[in-house]
Amino acid sequence: MSEVAWWAHREVAPDVKKLLQEFHADTLHKRAIAPEDSPVLIQREDGSWDRVDEGGFLVSYENLDKADVIEVLPISIVDTEVDEDL
């Protein structure tokens, strides 16, 4: 176990603390004014925003070419096995 380095005792650099404080300064205010039923949004690398449903899937279908998911086409599935008990 001597090769395990313990980092818990190290201090966070002052500039990192300042950045975190600035980033989270108005978080409580933003959460207070946000509607409870506001949609979940994801920001893409190009700066565009897309809505995400409860399951984590994209809602805006016009941006499927930028989606990080595989397009699945519905097909008909038929059970070909015969149940011998019937």
N, C-alpha and C. Protein backbone atom coordinates (compact mmCIF):
# COMPACT_ATOMS: atom_id res chain seq x y z
N MET A 1 0.81 -1.20 0.00
CA MET A 1 0.00 0.00 0.00
C MET A 1 0.85 1.26 0.00
N SER A 2 2.13 1.12 0.08
CA SER A 2 2.99 2.31 0.15
C SER A 2 3.00 3.09 -1.17
N GLU A 3 2.60 2.46 -2.28
CA GLU A 3 2.60 3.16 -3.56
C GLU A 3 1.36 4.03 -3.77
N VAL A 4 0.38 3.96 -2.85
CA VAL A 4 -0.83 4.78 -2.97
C VAL A 4 -0.53 6.17 -2.43
N ALA A 5 -0.80 7.17 -3.23
CA ALA A 5 -0.57 8.55 -2.80
C ALA A 5 -1.86 9.13 -2.25
N TRP A 6 -1.80 9.75 -1.11
CA TRP A 6 -2.97 10.37 -0.50
C TRP A 6 -2.98 11.85 -0.84
N TRP A 7 -4.04 12.26 -1.50
CA TRP A 7 -4.16 13.65 -1.94
C TRP A 7 -5.12 14.44 -1.08
N ALA A 8 -5.77 13.83 -0.13
CA ALA A 8 -6.80 14.51 0.65
C ALA A 8 -6.23 15.64 1.50
N HIS A 9 -4.99 15.56 1.89
CA HIS A 9 -4.41 16.58 2.75
C HIS A 9 -3.93 17.81 1.99
N ARG A 10 -3.95 17.77 0.67
CA ARG A 10 -3.45 18.89 -0.13
C ARG A 10 -4.49 20.00 -0.20
N GLU A 11 -4.02 21.20 -0.21
CA GLU A 11 -4.88 22.38 -0.33
C GLU A 11 -5.23 22.62 -1.80
N VAL A 12 -6.41 23.18 -2.02
CA VAL A 12 -6.81 23.59 -3.36
C VAL A 12 -6.16 24.94 -3.63
N ALA A 13 -5.61 25.08 -4.80
CA ALA A 13 -4.92 26.33 -5.16
C ALA A 13 -5.88 27.51 -5.06
N PRO A 14 -5.41 28.66 -4.60
CA PRO A 14 -6.27 29.84 -4.44
C PRO A 14 -6.96 30.27 -5.74
N ASP A 15 -6.27 30.19 -6.88
CA ASP A 15 -6.90 30.58 -8.13
C ASP A 15 -8.02 29.62 -8.53
N VAL A 16 -7.86 28.34 -8.19
CA VAL A 16 -8.92 27.36 -8.46
C VAL A 16 -10.11 27.63 -7.55
N LYS A 17 -9.86 27.95 -6.29
CA LYS A 17 -10.94 28.30 -5.37
C LYS A 17 -11.72 29.50 -5.87
N LYS A 18 -11.00 30.51 -6.37
CA LYS A 18 -11.66 31.72 -6.88
C LYS A 18 -12.53 31.39 -8.09
N LEU A 19 -12.01 30.57 -9.01
CA LEU A 19 -12.80 30.17 -10.18
C LEU A 19 -14.06 29.42 -9.77
N LEU A 20 -13.95 28.51 -8.82
CA LEU A 20 -15.11 27.76 -8.35
C LEU A 20 -16.13 28.68 -7.70
N GLN A 21 -15.67 29.64 -6.91
CA GLN A 21 -16.59 30.57 -6.26
C GLN A 21 -17.33 31.41 -7.29
N GLU A 22 -16.63 31.89 -8.31
CA GLU A 22 -17.27 32.68 -9.35
C GLU A 22 -18.26 31.84 -10.15
N PHE A 23 -17.90 30.61 -10.43
CA PHE A 23 -18.78 29.73 -11.21
C PHE A 23 -20.06 29.43 -10.46
N HIS A 24 -19.96 29.20 -9.15
CA HIS A 24 -21.12 28.82 -8.35
C HIS A 24 -21.77 29.99 -7.62
N ALA A 25 -21.34 31.21 -7.89
CA ALA A 25 -21.83 32.37 -7.14
C ALA A 25 -23.34 32.53 -7.25
N ASP A 26 -23.89 32.39 -8.43
CA ASP A 26 -25.33 32.62 -8.60
C ASP A 26 -26.11 31.34 -8.84
N THR A 27 -25.55 30.20 -8.48
CA THR A 27 -26.24 28.92 -8.70
C THR A 27 -27.56 28.87 -7.93
N LEU A 28 -27.55 29.26 -6.67
CA LEU A 28 -28.78 29.22 -5.87
C LEU A 28 -29.83 30.15 -6.45
N HIS A 29 -29.40 31.31 -6.93
CA HIS A 29 -30.36 32.25 -7.54
C HIS A 29 -30.95 31.65 -8.82
N LYS A 30 -30.11 31.05 -9.65
CA LYS A 30 -30.60 30.43 -10.88
C LYS A 30 -31.60 29.32 -10.58
N ARG A 31 -31.29 28.51 -9.58
CA ARG A 31 -32.20 27.41 -9.23
C ARG A 31 -33.49 27.94 -8.65
N ALA A 32 -33.43 29.06 -7.95
CA ALA A 32 -34.63 29.62 -7.33
C ALA A 32 -35.60 30.17 -8.38
N ILE A 33 -35.08 30.74 -9.46
CA ILE A 33 -35.96 31.34 -10.46
C ILE A 33 -36.31 30.39 -11.59
N ALA A 34 -35.67 29.24 -11.65
CA ALA A 34 -35.96 28.27 -12.72
C ALA A 34 -37.29 27.59 -12.45
N PRO A 35 -38.11 27.43 -13.48
CA PRO A 35 -39.37 26.71 -13.27
C PRO A 35 -39.12 25.24 -12.95
N GLU A 36 -40.00 24.67 -12.16
CA GLU A 36 -39.81 23.28 -11.76
C GLU A 36 -39.91 22.31 -12.93
N ASP A 37 -40.70 22.68 -13.92
CA ASP A 37 -40.88 21.79 -15.06
C ASP A 37 -40.05 22.22 -16.27
N SER A 38 -38.97 22.93 -16.03
CA SER A 38 -38.15 23.39 -17.15
C SER A 38 -37.49 22.20 -17.83
N PRO A 39 -37.35 22.26 -19.15
CA PRO A 39 -36.77 21.13 -19.87
C PRO A 39 -35.27 21.00 -19.61
N VAL A 40 -34.79 19.80 -19.69
CA VAL A 40 -33.36 19.55 -19.58
C VAL A 40 -32.74 19.85 -20.94
N LEU A 41 -31.67 20.62 -20.94
CA LEU A 41 -31.01 21.00 -22.19
C LEU A 41 -29.58 20.48 -22.19
N ILE A 42 -29.08 20.23 -23.39
CA ILE A 42 -27.69 19.83 -23.56
C ILE A 42 -27.07 20.78 -24.58
N GLN A 43 -25.87 21.26 -24.28
CA GLN A 43 -25.19 22.14 -25.22
C GLN A 43 -24.18 21.34 -26.02
N ARG A 44 -24.25 21.49 -27.33
CA ARG A 44 -23.37 20.76 -28.23
C ARG A 44 -22.06 21.52 -28.41
N GLU A 45 -21.09 20.85 -29.03
CA GLU A 45 -19.78 21.46 -29.25
C GLU A 45 -19.86 22.70 -30.13
N ASP A 46 -20.83 22.75 -31.05
CA ASP A 46 -20.95 23.90 -31.94
C ASP A 46 -21.71 25.06 -31.29
N GLY A 47 -22.13 24.90 -30.03
CA GLY A 47 -22.82 25.96 -29.30
C GLY A 47 -24.33 25.85 -29.36
N SER A 48 -24.87 24.96 -30.15
CA SER A 48 -26.32 24.81 -30.24
C SER A 48 -26.85 24.08 -29.01
N TRP A 49 -28.14 24.27 -28.76
CA TRP A 49 -28.80 23.65 -27.60
C TRP A 49 -29.86 22.68 -28.09
N ASP A 50 -29.98 21.54 -27.42
CA ASP A 50 -31.01 20.55 -27.74
C ASP A 50 -31.72 20.16 -26.46
N ARG A 51 -33.02 19.90 -26.59
CA ARG A 51 -33.81 19.42 -25.47
C ARG A 51 -33.60 17.93 -25.28
N VAL A 52 -33.64 17.48 -24.03
CA VAL A 52 -33.48 16.07 -23.70
C VAL A 52 -34.69 15.64 -22.89
N ASP A 53 -35.26 14.48 -23.21
CA ASP A 53 -36.42 14.01 -22.45
C ASP A 53 -35.98 13.29 -21.18
N GLU A 54 -36.96 12.75 -20.45
CA GLU A 54 -36.68 12.11 -19.16
C GLU A 54 -35.76 10.90 -19.31
N GLY A 55 -35.79 10.25 -20.45
CA GLY A 55 -34.96 9.08 -20.69
C GLY A 55 -33.56 9.41 -21.16
N GLY A 56 -33.28 10.70 -21.39
CA GLY A 56 -31.96 11.11 -21.86
C GLY A 56 -31.83 11.16 -23.37
N PHE A 57 -32.97 11.05 -24.09
CA PHE A 57 -32.93 11.07 -25.55
C PHE A 57 -33.26 12.46 -26.06
N LEU A 58 -32.74 12.79 -27.25
CA LEU A 58 -33.00 14.09 -27.85
C LEU A 58 -34.46 14.24 -28.22
N VAL A 59 -35.00 15.44 -27.99
CA VAL A 59 -36.39 15.72 -28.35
C VAL A 59 -36.45 16.40 -29.71
N SER A 60 -35.46 17.22 -30.03
CA SER A 60 -35.47 17.95 -31.30
C SER A 60 -34.96 17.04 -32.41
N TYR A 61 -35.86 16.57 -33.23
CA TYR A 61 -35.52 15.59 -34.25
C TYR A 61 -34.84 16.21 -35.46
N GLU A 62 -34.86 17.52 -35.60
CA GLU A 62 -34.19 18.14 -36.74
C GLU A 62 -32.67 18.11 -36.58
N ASN A 63 -32.17 17.83 -35.39
CA ASN A 63 -30.73 17.80 -35.16
C ASN A 63 -30.20 16.38 -35.00
N LEU A 64 -30.87 15.41 -35.58
CA LEU A 64 -30.42 14.03 -35.42
C LEU A 64 -29.07 13.76 -36.08
N ASP A 65 -28.71 14.57 -37.08
CA ASP A 65 -27.41 14.37 -37.71
C ASP A 65 -26.27 14.70 -36.76
N LYS A 66 -26.55 15.49 -35.71
CA LYS A 66 -25.53 15.83 -34.72
C LYS A 66 -25.65 14.96 -33.48
N ALA A 67 -26.60 14.07 -33.46
CA ALA A 67 -26.86 13.28 -32.26
C ALA A 67 -25.74 12.29 -32.00
N ASP A 68 -25.53 12.01 -30.73
CA ASP A 68 -24.52 11.04 -30.32
C ASP A 68 -25.14 9.67 -30.10
N VAL A 69 -26.22 9.39 -30.81
CA VAL A 69 -26.91 8.11 -30.66
C VAL A 69 -27.05 7.46 -32.02
N ILE A 70 -27.31 6.19 -32.02
CA ILE A 70 -27.52 5.44 -33.26
C ILE A 70 -28.99 5.53 -33.62
N GLU A 71 -29.28 5.82 -34.88
CA GLU A 71 -30.66 5.87 -35.32
C GLU A 71 -31.19 4.45 -35.46
N VAL A 72 -32.31 4.19 -34.83
CA VAL A 72 -32.91 2.86 -34.87
C VAL A 72 -34.24 2.96 -35.61
N LEU A 73 -34.40 2.17 -36.64
CA LEU A 73 -35.64 2.15 -37.40
C LEU A 73 -36.54 1.04 -36.87
N PRO A 74 -37.81 1.34 -36.65
CA PRO A 74 -38.71 0.29 -36.15
C PRO A 74 -38.93 -0.79 -37.20
N ILE A 75 -38.89 -2.03 -36.77
CA ILE A 75 -39.15 -3.16 -37.66
C ILE A 75 -40.17 -4.07 -37.01
N SER A 76 -40.73 -4.93 -37.79
CA SER A 76 -41.69 -5.90 -37.27
C SER A 76 -40.93 -7.11 -36.76
N ILE A 77 -41.20 -7.49 -35.54
CA ILE A 77 -40.54 -8.65 -34.94
C ILE A 77 -41.60 -9.73 -34.74
N VAL A 78 -41.32 -10.90 -35.26
CA VAL A 78 -42.26 -12.02 -35.15
C VAL A 78 -41.56 -13.17 -34.46
N ASP A 79 -42.23 -13.77 -33.50
CA ASP A 79 -41.66 -14.91 -32.80
C ASP A 79 -41.82 -16.14 -33.68
N THR A 80 -40.71 -16.75 -34.07
CA THR A 80 -40.77 -17.90 -34.96
C THR A 80 -40.71 -19.22 -34.22
N GLU A 81 -40.49 -19.17 -32.91
CA GLU A 81 -40.45 -20.40 -32.14
C GLU A 81 -41.87 -20.89 -31.86
N VAL A 82 -42.04 -22.19 -31.90
CA VAL A 82 -43.34 -22.79 -31.63
C VAL A 82 -43.31 -23.36 -30.22
N ASP A 83 -44.31 -22.98 -29.44
CA ASP A 83 -44.40 -23.51 -28.08
C ASP A 83 -45.03 -24.89 -28.16
N GLU A 84 -44.29 -25.91 -27.75
CA GLU A 84 -44.77 -27.28 -27.85
C GLU A 84 -45.85 -27.61 -26.83
N ASP A 85 -46.00 -26.79 -25.81
CA ASP A 85 -47.02 -27.03 -24.79
C ASP A 85 -48.41 -26.67 -25.29
N LEU A 86 -48.51 -25.92 -26.35
CA LEU A 86 -49.83 -25.49 -26.82
C LEU A 86 -50.46 -26.47 -27.72
